[in-house]
Amino acid sequence: MAKKSRKQQTGGTPATVALTAAGTAFTLHAYEHDPASPSYGEEAARALGVSPERVFKTLVAEVDGELTVAVVPVAGSLDLKALAAAVGGKRAAMADPAAAERTTGYVRGGISPLGQRKRLRTVVDASAGDHATVCVSAGRRGLEVELSPADLATLTGAVLAPIGR
């Protein structure tokens, strides 16, 4: 039997490769993605049987013209003013989806805060700290990674701030 490459062993995404390379403990969760689902995050929570407060979506916004990653629970939404304040900015707006995909290297609905093509400043909603583990996209639709909020913050260089509502 042929030996599996690191990419094959870890689910094959830059996010899982980055987690493995860092020696971070994580659990990979795969599920059948429904292309008709209106919300990728809520679909993941249902499919995995995990509370929507523990499943976090990765959103890319522009704060004062600079792309910034916001990681918030799928049970809520992003407070753009709070995101801008968290990084010392004045104005935030959602980024153009094509720019988000091009910069992160992931497709919409599968953008992971981990293993991005270009490392962007990242803010994780403070509510992540209420949980022993959280789930975020592992880099493609139908694949989530579960890890500790502390490891998520460390690996992304994130600050924790109340950016969800």
N, C-alpha and C. Protein backbone atom coordinates (compact mmCIF):
# COMPACT_ATOMS: atom_id res chain seq x y z
N MET A 1 0.83 -1.18 0.00
CA MET A 1 0.00 0.00 0.00
C MET A 1 0.88 1.25 0.00
N ALA A 2 0.54 2.22 -0.81
CA ALA A 2 1.33 3.44 -0.91
C ALA A 2 1.17 4.29 0.34
N LYS A 3 2.25 4.95 0.71
CA LYS A 3 2.23 5.83 1.87
C LYS A 3 1.46 7.10 1.51
N LYS A 4 0.57 7.54 2.43
CA LYS A 4 -0.21 8.76 2.18
C LYS A 4 0.64 9.99 2.43
N SER A 5 0.46 11.00 1.59
CA SER A 5 1.16 12.26 1.79
C SER A 5 0.53 12.99 2.97
N ARG A 6 1.23 13.98 3.48
CA ARG A 6 0.69 14.79 4.59
C ARG A 6 -0.65 15.41 4.19
N LYS A 7 -0.75 15.87 2.94
CA LYS A 7 -1.99 16.47 2.48
C LYS A 7 -3.13 15.45 2.51
N GLN A 8 -2.90 14.23 2.07
CA GLN A 8 -3.93 13.19 2.09
C GLN A 8 -4.29 12.80 3.52
N GLN A 9 -3.32 12.76 4.42
CA GLN A 9 -3.56 12.36 5.80
C GLN A 9 -4.41 13.38 6.55
N THR A 10 -4.36 14.64 6.17
CA THR A 10 -5.00 15.70 6.93
C THR A 10 -6.25 16.26 6.28
N GLY A 11 -6.80 15.62 5.30
CA GLY A 11 -8.01 16.14 4.66
C GLY A 11 -7.71 16.95 3.42
N GLY A 12 -6.45 17.21 3.17
CA GLY A 12 -6.05 17.80 1.91
C GLY A 12 -6.29 19.28 1.71
N THR A 13 -6.41 20.06 2.77
CA THR A 13 -6.58 21.50 2.57
C THR A 13 -5.41 22.23 3.22
N PRO A 14 -5.14 23.45 2.79
CA PRO A 14 -4.07 24.22 3.44
C PRO A 14 -4.31 24.39 4.95
N ALA A 15 -5.58 24.47 5.36
CA ALA A 15 -5.90 24.62 6.79
C ALA A 15 -5.45 23.41 7.58
N THR A 16 -5.77 22.22 7.10
CA THR A 16 -5.41 21.01 7.84
C THR A 16 -3.91 20.75 7.78
N VAL A 17 -3.29 21.10 6.67
CA VAL A 17 -1.84 20.96 6.57
C VAL A 17 -1.17 21.91 7.57
N ALA A 18 -1.67 23.14 7.70
CA ALA A 18 -1.11 24.11 8.65
C ALA A 18 -1.28 23.62 10.09
N LEU A 19 -2.44 23.06 10.40
CA LEU A 19 -2.69 22.54 11.75
C LEU A 19 -1.72 21.39 12.07
N THR A 20 -1.55 20.49 11.13
CA THR A 20 -0.67 19.35 11.32
C THR A 20 0.78 19.81 11.47
N ALA A 21 1.19 20.73 10.63
CA ALA A 21 2.57 21.23 10.68
C ALA A 21 2.86 21.93 12.01
N ALA A 22 1.84 22.58 12.58
CA ALA A 22 2.01 23.28 13.86
C ALA A 22 1.93 22.33 15.05
N GLY A 23 1.55 21.07 14.80
CA GLY A 23 1.42 20.11 15.88
C GLY A 23 0.21 20.38 16.77
N THR A 24 -0.79 21.02 16.19
CA THR A 24 -2.00 21.39 16.94
C THR A 24 -3.00 20.24 16.96
N ALA A 25 -3.58 20.00 18.12
CA ALA A 25 -4.62 18.97 18.24
C ALA A 25 -5.91 19.48 17.59
N PHE A 26 -6.49 18.65 16.72
CA PHE A 26 -7.75 19.02 16.08
C PHE A 26 -8.48 17.77 15.67
N THR A 27 -9.78 17.93 15.45
CA THR A 27 -10.61 16.84 14.96
C THR A 27 -11.26 17.31 13.66
N LEU A 28 -11.18 16.49 12.66
CA LEU A 28 -11.76 16.81 11.35
C LEU A 28 -13.15 16.19 11.27
N HIS A 29 -14.12 16.97 10.81
CA HIS A 29 -15.50 16.51 10.66
C HIS A 29 -15.94 16.75 9.21
N ALA A 30 -16.26 15.68 8.52
CA ALA A 30 -16.76 15.78 7.14
C ALA A 30 -18.25 15.50 7.13
N TYR A 31 -18.97 16.16 6.23
CA TYR A 31 -20.39 15.92 6.05
C TYR A 31 -20.74 16.17 4.59
N GLU A 32 -21.87 15.66 4.18
CA GLU A 32 -22.32 15.83 2.80
C GLU A 32 -22.89 17.24 2.65
N HIS A 33 -22.22 18.07 1.87
CA HIS A 33 -22.67 19.44 1.65
C HIS A 33 -23.82 19.48 0.65
N ASP A 34 -24.86 20.24 0.98
CA ASP A 34 -26.00 20.43 0.08
C ASP A 34 -25.82 21.77 -0.63
N PRO A 35 -25.57 21.78 -1.94
CA PRO A 35 -25.35 23.03 -2.66
C PRO A 35 -26.54 24.00 -2.59
N ALA A 36 -27.72 23.50 -2.26
CA ALA A 36 -28.90 24.36 -2.17
C ALA A 36 -29.06 25.00 -0.79
N SER A 37 -28.19 24.66 0.14
CA SER A 37 -28.30 25.20 1.51
C SER A 37 -28.08 26.70 1.50
N PRO A 38 -28.98 27.46 2.15
CA PRO A 38 -28.83 28.93 2.16
C PRO A 38 -27.75 29.43 3.12
N SER A 39 -27.36 28.59 4.09
CA SER A 39 -26.36 29.01 5.08
C SER A 39 -25.38 27.87 5.31
N TYR A 40 -24.13 28.07 4.88
CA TYR A 40 -23.12 27.03 5.03
C TYR A 40 -22.88 26.70 6.50
N GLY A 41 -22.81 27.71 7.34
CA GLY A 41 -22.52 27.48 8.75
C GLY A 41 -23.63 26.75 9.48
N GLU A 42 -24.86 27.17 9.24
CA GLU A 42 -25.99 26.49 9.88
C GLU A 42 -26.12 25.05 9.38
N GLU A 43 -25.81 24.84 8.11
CA GLU A 43 -25.81 23.49 7.55
C GLU A 43 -24.77 22.64 8.28
N ALA A 44 -23.60 23.19 8.52
CA ALA A 44 -22.54 22.45 9.21
C ALA A 44 -22.97 22.10 10.63
N ALA A 45 -23.56 23.05 11.34
CA ALA A 45 -24.00 22.80 12.71
C ALA A 45 -25.02 21.66 12.75
N ARG A 46 -25.99 21.71 11.85
CA ARG A 46 -27.02 20.65 11.78
C ARG A 46 -26.38 19.30 11.44
N ALA A 47 -25.56 19.28 10.43
CA ALA A 47 -24.96 18.03 9.97
C ALA A 47 -24.07 17.39 11.04
N LEU A 48 -23.40 18.21 11.83
CA LEU A 48 -22.49 17.70 12.85
C LEU A 48 -23.17 17.49 14.19
N GLY A 49 -24.41 18.01 14.33
CA GLY A 49 -25.11 17.89 15.60
C GLY A 49 -24.45 18.73 16.68
N VAL A 50 -23.93 19.89 16.29
CA VAL A 50 -23.22 20.79 17.20
C VAL A 50 -24.03 22.08 17.33
N SER A 51 -24.05 22.65 18.52
CA SER A 51 -24.74 23.91 18.76
C SER A 51 -24.21 24.99 17.82
N PRO A 52 -25.11 25.79 17.20
CA PRO A 52 -24.66 26.87 16.31
C PRO A 52 -23.78 27.91 17.02
N GLU A 53 -23.83 27.95 18.34
CA GLU A 53 -22.96 28.87 19.08
C GLU A 53 -21.51 28.40 19.08
N ARG A 54 -21.28 27.11 18.78
CA ARG A 54 -19.92 26.55 18.75
C ARG A 54 -19.35 26.44 17.34
N VAL A 55 -20.18 26.66 16.33
CA VAL A 55 -19.72 26.62 14.94
C VAL A 55 -19.53 28.07 14.49
N PHE A 56 -18.34 28.37 14.03
CA PHE A 56 -18.01 29.75 13.66
C PHE A 56 -17.81 29.88 12.16
N LYS A 57 -18.34 30.97 11.61
CA LYS A 57 -18.16 31.25 10.17
C LYS A 57 -17.02 32.24 10.00
N THR A 58 -16.37 32.14 8.87
CA THR A 58 -15.25 33.02 8.54
C THR A 58 -15.73 34.01 7.49
N LEU A 59 -15.69 35.28 7.85
CA LEU A 59 -16.13 36.35 6.95
C LEU A 59 -14.94 37.25 6.66
N VAL A 60 -14.89 37.77 5.45
CA VAL A 60 -13.81 38.69 5.09
C VAL A 60 -14.44 40.06 4.86
N ALA A 61 -13.90 41.04 5.58
CA ALA A 61 -14.39 42.41 5.49
C ALA A 61 -13.22 43.32 5.13
N GLU A 62 -13.55 44.54 4.78
CA GLU A 62 -12.53 45.57 4.56
C GLU A 62 -12.65 46.57 5.68
N VAL A 63 -11.57 46.78 6.40
CA VAL A 63 -11.55 47.80 7.43
C VAL A 63 -10.58 48.88 6.97
N ASP A 64 -11.12 50.05 6.73
CA ASP A 64 -10.33 51.16 6.20
C ASP A 64 -9.51 50.74 4.99
N GLY A 65 -10.11 49.92 4.12
CA GLY A 65 -9.48 49.49 2.88
C GLY A 65 -8.60 48.26 3.00
N GLU A 66 -8.41 47.72 4.20
CA GLU A 66 -7.55 46.55 4.39
C GLU A 66 -8.40 45.32 4.69
N LEU A 67 -8.16 44.24 3.95
CA LEU A 67 -8.91 43.01 4.19
C LEU A 67 -8.62 42.48 5.59
N THR A 68 -9.70 42.08 6.26
CA THR A 68 -9.64 41.62 7.64
C THR A 68 -10.58 40.44 7.79
N VAL A 69 -10.16 39.41 8.50
CA VAL A 69 -10.97 38.23 8.73
C VAL A 69 -11.72 38.37 10.05
N ALA A 70 -13.01 38.08 10.01
CA ALA A 70 -13.85 38.06 11.21
C ALA A 70 -14.38 36.64 11.37
N VAL A 71 -14.26 36.09 12.57
CA VAL A 71 -14.71 34.73 12.85
C VAL A 71 -15.80 34.84 13.92
N VAL A 72 -17.05 34.58 13.52
CA VAL A 72 -18.19 34.77 14.42
C VAL A 72 -19.09 33.53 14.41
N PRO A 73 -19.86 33.33 15.49
CA PRO A 73 -20.76 32.18 15.53
C PRO A 73 -21.79 32.23 14.41
N VAL A 74 -22.12 31.05 13.86
CA VAL A 74 -23.12 31.01 12.79
C VAL A 74 -24.50 31.36 13.33
N ALA A 75 -24.67 31.32 14.65
CA ALA A 75 -25.96 31.63 15.27
C ALA A 75 -26.25 33.13 15.24
N GLY A 76 -25.27 33.95 14.89
CA GLY A 76 -25.46 35.40 14.89
C GLY A 76 -24.92 36.03 13.63
N SER A 77 -24.58 37.30 13.75
CA SER A 77 -24.05 38.03 12.59
C SER A 77 -22.87 38.89 13.05
N LEU A 78 -22.19 39.44 12.09
CA LEU A 78 -21.02 40.28 12.34
C LEU A 78 -21.45 41.72 12.57
N ASP A 79 -20.93 42.33 13.60
CA ASP A 79 -21.12 43.76 13.87
C ASP A 79 -19.92 44.48 13.26
N LEU A 80 -20.13 45.10 12.11
CA LEU A 80 -19.04 45.73 11.37
C LEU A 80 -18.37 46.86 12.16
N LYS A 81 -19.16 47.64 12.90
CA LYS A 81 -18.58 48.72 13.70
C LYS A 81 -17.66 48.16 14.79
N ALA A 82 -18.10 47.06 15.41
CA ALA A 82 -17.27 46.43 16.45
C ALA A 82 -15.99 45.85 15.84
N LEU A 83 -16.09 45.29 14.64
CA LEU A 83 -14.89 44.77 13.97
C LEU A 83 -13.90 45.89 13.72
N ALA A 84 -14.38 47.01 13.18
CA ALA A 84 -13.49 48.14 12.92
C ALA A 84 -12.82 48.60 14.21
N ALA A 85 -13.59 48.71 15.28
CA ALA A 85 -13.04 49.15 16.56
C ALA A 85 -12.00 48.17 17.09
N ALA A 86 -12.23 46.87 16.88
CA ALA A 86 -11.32 45.83 17.39
C ALA A 86 -9.92 45.92 16.78
N VAL A 87 -9.84 46.45 15.56
CA VAL A 87 -8.53 46.57 14.91
C VAL A 87 -8.06 48.02 14.80
N GLY A 88 -8.74 48.90 15.53
CA GLY A 88 -8.34 50.30 15.53
C GLY A 88 -8.72 51.05 14.28
N GLY A 89 -9.71 50.56 13.56
CA GLY A 89 -10.15 51.21 12.33
C GLY A 89 -11.38 52.08 12.54
N LYS A 90 -11.77 52.75 11.47
CA LYS A 90 -12.93 53.64 11.55
C LYS A 90 -14.15 53.07 10.84
N ARG A 91 -13.94 52.42 9.69
CA ARG A 91 -15.07 51.99 8.88
C ARG A 91 -14.83 50.58 8.35
N ALA A 92 -15.88 49.75 8.43
CA ALA A 92 -15.76 48.39 7.91
C ALA A 92 -16.95 48.09 7.00
N ALA A 93 -16.70 47.30 5.99
CA ALA A 93 -17.73 46.83 5.07
C ALA A 93 -17.33 45.43 4.62
N MET A 94 -18.32 44.65 4.22
CA MET A 94 -18.01 43.31 3.73
C MET A 94 -17.15 43.44 2.47
N ALA A 95 -16.18 42.55 2.34
CA ALA A 95 -15.28 42.55 1.19
C ALA A 95 -15.98 41.97 -0.03
N ASP A 96 -15.49 42.33 -1.18
CA ASP A 96 -15.96 41.75 -2.43
C ASP A 96 -15.65 40.25 -2.38
N PRO A 97 -16.63 39.38 -2.64
CA PRO A 97 -16.39 37.93 -2.56
C PRO A 97 -15.22 37.45 -3.42
N ALA A 98 -15.07 38.02 -4.61
CA ALA A 98 -13.96 37.61 -5.49
C ALA A 98 -12.61 37.98 -4.86
N ALA A 99 -12.54 39.14 -4.23
CA ALA A 99 -11.29 39.55 -3.57
C ALA A 99 -11.00 38.64 -2.37
N ALA A 100 -12.04 38.27 -1.64
CA ALA A 100 -11.87 37.37 -0.50
C ALA A 100 -11.35 36.02 -0.96
N GLU A 101 -11.93 35.48 -2.02
CA GLU A 101 -11.50 34.19 -2.54
C GLU A 101 -10.06 34.24 -3.07
N ARG A 102 -9.76 35.28 -3.82
CA ARG A 102 -8.43 35.43 -4.41
C ARG A 102 -7.36 35.57 -3.32
N THR A 103 -7.65 36.34 -2.30
CA THR A 103 -6.66 36.60 -1.25
C THR A 103 -6.47 35.42 -0.30
N THR A 104 -7.57 34.75 0.06
CA THR A 104 -7.46 33.64 1.01
C THR A 104 -7.07 32.33 0.34
N GLY A 105 -7.42 32.17 -0.93
CA GLY A 105 -7.16 30.92 -1.62
C GLY A 105 -8.29 29.91 -1.44
N TYR A 106 -9.37 30.32 -0.83
CA TYR A 106 -10.52 29.45 -0.60
C TYR A 106 -11.75 29.97 -1.32
N VAL A 107 -12.74 29.08 -1.55
CA VAL A 107 -13.99 29.50 -2.16
C VAL A 107 -14.98 29.90 -1.08
N ARG A 108 -15.88 30.80 -1.46
CA ARG A 108 -16.94 31.25 -0.54
C ARG A 108 -17.69 30.04 0.00
N GLY A 109 -17.95 30.05 1.29
CA GLY A 109 -18.60 28.92 1.93
C GLY A 109 -17.60 27.89 2.42
N GLY A 110 -16.35 28.07 2.04
CA GLY A 110 -15.29 27.16 2.49
C GLY A 110 -14.06 27.93 2.94
N ILE A 111 -14.21 29.23 3.17
CA ILE A 111 -13.06 30.03 3.62
C ILE A 111 -12.74 29.66 5.06
N SER A 112 -11.51 29.27 5.27
CA SER A 112 -11.04 28.93 6.61
C SER A 112 -10.19 30.08 7.13
N PRO A 113 -10.22 30.31 8.45
CA PRO A 113 -9.30 31.31 9.00
C PRO A 113 -7.87 30.80 9.05
N LEU A 114 -7.69 29.51 8.78
CA LEU A 114 -6.38 28.85 8.87
C LEU A 114 -5.81 28.56 7.48
N GLY A 115 -4.51 28.67 7.33
CA GLY A 115 -3.84 28.29 6.09
C GLY A 115 -4.19 29.14 4.88
N GLN A 116 -4.48 30.39 5.11
CA GLN A 116 -4.84 31.27 3.99
C GLN A 116 -3.62 31.58 3.13
N ARG A 117 -3.88 31.83 1.85
CA ARG A 117 -2.81 32.15 0.90
C ARG A 117 -2.01 33.36 1.39
N LYS A 118 -2.72 34.39 1.84
CA LYS A 118 -2.07 35.58 2.40
C LYS A 118 -2.64 35.74 3.81
N ARG A 119 -1.78 35.79 4.79
CA ARG A 119 -2.25 35.92 6.17
C ARG A 119 -2.85 37.31 6.40
N LEU A 120 -4.10 37.32 6.76
CA LEU A 120 -4.81 38.58 7.02
C LEU A 120 -4.97 38.77 8.51
N ARG A 121 -5.07 40.03 8.94
CA ARG A 121 -5.34 40.24 10.35
C ARG A 121 -6.71 39.63 10.65
N THR A 122 -6.82 39.05 11.83
CA THR A 122 -7.98 38.24 12.16
C THR A 122 -8.52 38.61 13.53
N VAL A 123 -9.85 38.66 13.63
CA VAL A 123 -10.52 38.89 14.91
C VAL A 123 -11.51 37.75 15.11
N VAL A 124 -11.43 37.09 16.26
CA VAL A 124 -12.35 36.02 16.62
C VAL A 124 -13.29 36.57 17.67
N ASP A 125 -14.58 36.32 17.50
CA ASP A 125 -15.56 36.79 18.48
C ASP A 125 -15.20 36.25 19.86
N ALA A 126 -15.30 37.10 20.87
CA ALA A 126 -14.93 36.75 22.24
C ALA A 126 -15.73 35.56 22.76
N SER A 127 -16.91 35.30 22.22
CA SER A 127 -17.73 34.19 22.71
C SER A 127 -17.06 32.84 22.48
N ALA A 128 -16.06 32.78 21.62
CA ALA A 128 -15.33 31.52 21.39
C ALA A 128 -14.72 31.03 22.69
N GLY A 129 -14.30 31.96 23.53
CA GLY A 129 -13.69 31.61 24.80
C GLY A 129 -14.63 30.93 25.78
N ASP A 130 -15.94 30.93 25.49
CA ASP A 130 -16.93 30.28 26.35
C ASP A 130 -16.96 28.77 26.13
N HIS A 131 -16.24 28.28 25.12
CA HIS A 131 -16.31 26.87 24.74
C HIS A 131 -14.94 26.21 24.82
N ALA A 132 -14.92 24.92 25.17
CA ALA A 132 -13.66 24.18 25.20
C ALA A 132 -13.12 24.02 23.78
N THR A 133 -14.02 23.78 22.81
CA THR A 133 -13.63 23.69 21.41
C THR A 133 -14.66 24.41 20.55
N VAL A 134 -14.22 24.85 19.39
CA VAL A 134 -15.11 25.45 18.40
C VAL A 134 -14.83 24.79 17.05
N CYS A 135 -15.78 24.93 16.14
CA CYS A 135 -15.62 24.39 14.78
C CYS A 135 -15.53 25.55 13.80
N VAL A 136 -14.59 25.46 12.88
CA VAL A 136 -14.46 26.43 11.79
C VAL A 136 -14.25 25.65 10.50
N SER A 137 -14.43 26.31 9.39
CA SER A 137 -14.22 25.65 8.11
C SER A 137 -12.80 25.13 8.01
N ALA A 138 -12.69 23.93 7.47
CA ALA A 138 -11.36 23.33 7.26
C ALA A 138 -10.84 23.63 5.86
N GLY A 139 -11.55 24.48 5.12
CA GLY A 139 -11.03 24.91 3.83
C GLY A 139 -11.82 24.46 2.62
N ARG A 140 -12.93 23.76 2.86
CA ARG A 140 -13.83 23.46 1.75
C ARG A 140 -15.20 23.16 2.32
N ARG A 141 -16.20 23.36 1.48
CA ARG A 141 -17.57 23.10 1.89
C ARG A 141 -17.71 21.63 2.26
N GLY A 142 -18.35 21.36 3.41
CA GLY A 142 -18.53 19.99 3.85
C GLY A 142 -17.39 19.46 4.72
N LEU A 143 -16.49 20.34 5.14
CA LEU A 143 -15.37 19.92 5.98
C LEU A 143 -15.13 20.97 7.06
N GLU A 144 -15.26 20.55 8.32
CA GLU A 144 -15.04 21.44 9.46
C GLU A 144 -13.91 20.90 10.31
N VAL A 145 -13.23 21.78 10.99
CA VAL A 145 -12.18 21.38 11.92
C VAL A 145 -12.58 21.89 13.30
N GLU A 146 -12.42 21.03 14.29
CA GLU A 146 -12.72 21.37 15.68
C GLU A 146 -11.41 21.53 16.43
N LEU A 147 -11.24 22.64 17.11
CA LEU A 147 -10.02 22.92 17.86
C LEU A 147 -10.32 23.86 19.00
N SER A 148 -9.36 24.06 19.88
CA SER A 148 -9.58 24.96 21.00
C SER A 148 -9.54 26.41 20.51
N PRO A 149 -10.31 27.30 21.15
CA PRO A 149 -10.26 28.71 20.76
C PRO A 149 -8.86 29.32 20.93
N ALA A 150 -8.13 28.86 21.93
CA ALA A 150 -6.78 29.38 22.14
C ALA A 150 -5.87 29.01 20.97
N ASP A 151 -5.98 27.75 20.50
CA ASP A 151 -5.17 27.34 19.35
C ASP A 151 -5.57 28.11 18.09
N LEU A 152 -6.87 28.33 17.91
CA LEU A 152 -7.35 29.11 16.76
C LEU A 152 -6.74 30.51 16.78
N ALA A 153 -6.79 31.15 17.94
CA ALA A 153 -6.25 32.51 18.06
C ALA A 153 -4.74 32.52 17.83
N THR A 154 -4.04 31.55 18.38
CA THR A 154 -2.58 31.49 18.23
C THR A 154 -2.19 31.29 16.77
N LEU A 155 -2.82 30.32 16.11
CA LEU A 155 -2.44 30.00 14.73
C LEU A 155 -2.79 31.10 13.73
N THR A 156 -3.82 31.88 14.01
CA THR A 156 -4.22 32.95 13.09
C THR A 156 -3.67 34.31 13.50
N GLY A 157 -3.06 34.37 14.69
CA GLY A 157 -2.59 35.67 15.20
C GLY A 157 -3.75 36.57 15.56
N ALA A 158 -4.89 35.97 15.88
CA ALA A 158 -6.12 36.73 16.10
C ALA A 158 -6.16 37.41 17.46
N VAL A 159 -6.95 38.47 17.50
CA VAL A 159 -7.37 39.05 18.76
C VAL A 159 -8.79 38.59 19.01
N LEU A 160 -9.15 38.43 20.28
CA LEU A 160 -10.54 38.10 20.64
C LEU A 160 -11.23 39.39 21.04
N ALA A 161 -12.39 39.63 20.46
CA ALA A 161 -13.15 40.84 20.76
C ALA A 161 -14.63 40.57 20.50
N PRO A 162 -15.50 41.30 21.16
CA PRO A 162 -16.95 41.09 20.95
C PRO A 162 -17.40 41.70 19.61
N ILE A 163 -17.30 40.91 18.54
CA ILE A 163 -17.65 41.41 17.20
C ILE A 163 -18.93 40.79 16.65
N GLY A 164 -19.52 39.87 17.39
CA GLY A 164 -20.76 39.25 16.94
C GLY A 164 -21.96 39.90 17.59
N ARG A 165 -23.11 39.68 16.97
CA ARG A 165 -24.34 40.15 17.62
C ARG A 165 -25.43 39.16 17.40
